[in-house]
C-alpha atoms as a PDB file:
ATOM      1  CA  MET A   1     107.532 115.851  72.559  1.00  0.00           C
ATOM      2  CA  SER A   2     103.669 116.416  73.650  1.00  0.00           C
ATOM      3  CA  TYR A   3     102.312 114.636  77.048  1.00  0.00           C
ATOM      4  CA  HIS A   4     100.019 113.113  74.265  1.00  0.00           C
ATOM      5  CA  GLN A   5     103.002 111.773  72.286  1.00  0.00           C
ATOM      6  CA  GLN A   6     104.541 110.217  74.705  1.00  0.00           C
ATOM      7  CA  THR A   7     101.873 108.660  75.732  1.00  0.00           C
ATOM      8  CA  GLY A   8     101.333 106.941  72.249  1.00  0.00           C
ATOM      9  CA  GLN A   9     104.911 105.768  72.625  1.00  0.00           C
ATOM     10  CA  ARG A  10     104.183 104.588  75.437  1.00  0.00           C
ATOM     11  CA  VAL A  11     101.261 102.228  74.345  1.00  0.00           C
ATOM     12  CA  ILE A  12     103.088 100.886  71.385  1.00  0.00           C
ATOM     13  CA  THR A  13     106.408 100.021  73.658  1.00  0.00           C
ATOM     14  CA  VAL A  14     103.898  98.292  76.396  1.00  0.00           C
ATOM     15  CA  MET A  15     102.428  96.794  73.261  1.00  0.00           C
ATOM     16  CA  VAL A  16     105.761  95.471  71.948  1.00  0.00           C
ATOM     17  CA  VAL A  17     106.553  94.696  76.114  1.00  0.00           C
ATOM     18  CA  TRP A  18     103.547  92.487  75.833  1.00  0.00           C
ATOM     19  CA  GLN A  19     104.110  90.430  72.907  1.00  0.00           C
ATOM     20  CA  ILE A  20     108.147  89.658  73.786  1.00  0.00           C
ATOM     21  CA  PHE A  21     107.160  89.004  77.783  1.00  0.00           C
ATOM     22  CA  ARG A  22     103.783  87.869  78.113  1.00  0.00           C
ATOM     23  CA  ASP A  23     103.632  89.646  81.123  1.00  0.00           C
ATOM     24  CA  LYS A  24     102.420  93.246  82.606  1.00  0.00           C
ATOM     25  CA  SER A  25     105.336  96.132  82.507  1.00  0.00           C
ATOM     26  CA  GLY A  26     105.667  99.087  84.523  1.00  0.00           C
ATOM     27  CA  ILE A  27     105.211 102.306  82.888  1.00  0.00           C
ATOM     28  CA  GLY A  28     106.769 105.330  84.944  1.00  0.00           C
ATOM     29  CA  CYS A  29     109.395 107.390  85.900  1.00  0.00           C
ATOM     30  CA  GLY A  30     111.507 105.024  87.899  1.00  0.00           C
ATOM     31  CA  ALA A  31     111.262 107.743  90.910  1.00  0.00           C
ATOM     32  CA  ASP A  32     109.517 107.706  94.192  1.00  0.00           C
ATOM     33  CA  VAL A  33     107.208 110.683  94.327  1.00  0.00           C
ATOM     34  CA  THR A  34     104.763 110.359  97.994  1.00  0.00           C
ATOM     35  CA  ILE A  35     101.181 110.880  97.448  1.00  0.00           C
ATOM     36  CA  LYS A  36     101.337 114.399  99.618  1.00  0.00           C
ATOM     37  CA  GLU A  37     104.204 115.397  96.956  1.00  0.00           C
ATOM     38  CA  LEU A  38     101.789 114.364  94.101  1.00  0.00           C
ATOM     39  CA  CYS A  39      99.066 116.211  95.983  1.00  0.00           C
ATOM     40  CA  GLU A  40     101.365 119.531  96.402  1.00  0.00           C
ATOM     41  CA  ILE A  41     102.290 119.603  92.605  1.00  0.00           C
ATOM     42  CA  VAL A  42      98.442 119.401  91.405  1.00  0.00           C
ATOM     43  CA  MET A  43      97.919 121.847  94.214  1.00  0.00           C
ATOM     44  CA  ALA A  44     100.944 123.938  92.571  1.00  0.00           C
ATOM     45  CA  VAL A  45      99.505 123.625  89.430  1.00  0.00           C
ATOM     46  CA  THR A  46      95.982 123.867  89.278  1.00  0.00           C
ATOM     47  CA  GLY A  47      95.794 127.052  92.149  1.00  0.00           C
ATOM     48  CA  TYR A  48      94.343 125.081  94.569  1.00  0.00           C
ATOM     49  CA  GLU A  49      94.660 127.361  97.711  1.00  0.00           C
ATOM     50  CA  GLY A  50      92.934 124.670 100.607  1.00  0.00           C
ATOM     51  CA  ARG A  51      94.538 122.726 102.863  1.00  0.00           C
ATOM     52  CA  LEU A  52      95.909 119.255 102.580  1.00  0.00           C
ATOM     53  CA  GLU A  53      95.145 117.328 105.345  1.00  0.00           C
ATOM     54  CA  PHE A  54      96.158 113.381 106.168  1.00  0.00           C
ATOM     55  CA  ASP A  55      94.432 111.182 108.665  1.00  0.00           C
ATOM     56  CA  ALA A  56      97.284 109.351 110.131  1.00  0.00           C
ATOM     57  CA  ALA A  57      95.003 107.381 112.240  1.00  0.00           C
ATOM     58  CA  LYS A  58      93.769 105.527 108.917  1.00  0.00           C
ATOM     59  CA  SER A  59      95.770 102.973 106.646  1.00  0.00           C
ATOM     60  CA  ASP A  60      97.823 104.522 104.058  1.00  0.00           C
ATOM     61  CA  GLY A  61      98.050 101.652 101.634  1.00  0.00           C
ATOM     62  CA  ALA A  62     101.138 100.025 100.240  1.00  0.00           C
ATOM     63  CA  PRO A  63     104.170 101.013 101.581  1.00  0.00           C
ATOM     64  CA  ARG A  64     106.010 101.842  98.139  1.00  0.00           C
ATOM     65  CA  LYS A  65     104.245 103.044  95.006  1.00  0.00           C
ATOM     66  CA  LEU A  66     107.119 102.813  92.908  1.00  0.00           C
ATOM     67  CA  LEU A  67     106.656 100.729  89.541  1.00  0.00           C
ATOM     68  CA  ASP A  68     109.257  98.316  88.260  1.00  0.00           C
ATOM     69  CA  VAL A  69     110.038  99.929  85.148  1.00  0.00           C
ATOM     70  CA  SER A  70     113.222  97.520  84.152  1.00  0.00           C
ATOM     71  CA  ARG A  71     112.173  95.692  81.285  1.00  0.00           C
ATOM     72  CA  ILE A  72     110.383  98.865  79.378  1.00  0.00           C
ATOM     73  CA  THR A  73     113.758 100.555  80.125  1.00  0.00           C
ATOM     74  CA  ALA A  74     115.246  97.654  78.775  1.00  0.00           C
ATOM     75  CA  LEU A  75     114.088  98.336  75.263  1.00  0.00           C
ATOM     76  CA  GLY A  76     115.266 101.967  75.152  1.00  0.00           C
ATOM     77  CA  TRP A  77     112.190 103.842  76.673  1.00  0.00           C
ATOM     78  CA  GLN A  78     112.796 106.618  78.814  1.00  0.00           C
ATOM     79  CA  PRO A  79     110.111 109.426  80.294  1.00  0.00           C
ATOM     80  CA  GLN A  80     111.003 112.510  78.203  1.00  0.00           C
ATOM     81  CA  ILE A  81     108.267 114.530  80.529  1.00  0.00           C
ATOM     82  CA  PRO A  82     108.703 115.415  84.002  1.00  0.00           C
ATOM     83  CA  LEU A  83     105.899 115.431  86.028  1.00  0.00           C
ATOM     84  CA  ARG A  84     105.102 118.484  87.062  1.00  0.00           C
ATOM     85  CA  ALA A  85     105.438 119.324  83.122  1.00  0.00           C
ATOM     86  CA  GLY A  86     103.129 116.584  82.275  1.00  0.00           C
ATOM     87  CA  ILE A  87     100.567 117.437  84.641  1.00  0.00           C
ATOM     88  CA  GLU A  88     100.751 120.875  83.630  1.00  0.00           C
ATOM     89  CA  GLN A  89      99.984 120.006  79.789  1.00  0.00           C
ATOM     90  CA  VAL A  90      96.971 117.884  81.066  1.00  0.00           C
ATOM     91  CA  TYR A  91      95.702 120.122  83.239  1.00  0.00           C
ATOM     92  CA  ALA A  92      96.560 123.298  80.312  1.00  0.00           C
ATOM     93  CA  TRP A  93      94.459 121.060  77.799  1.00  0.00           C
ATOM     94  CA  PHE A  94      91.754 120.436  80.336  1.00  0.00           C
ATOM     95  CA  ARG A  95      91.108 124.073  80.963  1.00  0.00           C
ATOM     96  CA  ALA A  96      90.933 124.642  77.205  1.00  0.00           C
ATOM     97  CA  ASN A  97      88.926 122.017  76.223  1.00  0.00           C
ATOM     98  CA  ALA A  98      86.439 121.864  79.208  1.00  0.00           C
ATOM     99  CA  ASP A  99      83.407 123.264  78.057  1.00  0.00           C
ATOM    100  CA  SER A 100      83.371 120.112  75.348  1.00  0.00           C
ATOM    101  CA  LEU A 101      83.797 117.216  77.213  1.00  0.00           C
ATOM    102  CA  ARG A 102      81.121 115.281  78.491  1.00  0.00           C
ATOM    103  CA  LEU A 103      81.584 114.250  82.252  1.00  0.00           C
END
């Protein structure tokens, strides 16, 4: 299943969740990923070789950014594409289509 197909499936599931619960529903993998881990994945996928720096003197925002996916998983939805693979697919699509995009 491609990233786009999975996203479409999520959108439909969220619409159903919205109708059932009339509440916001999180879509995620149910696993915590730090900003540093996410940055390192993006750097590896894109081939970025620069340094990653964090300023410890500044606030790092919410201590946890993990979405509650219990409602959507209760409906049977499960992520089909790991985070890194999804980023790889989106980056490959972007590279293949960059000339035709309006930014």
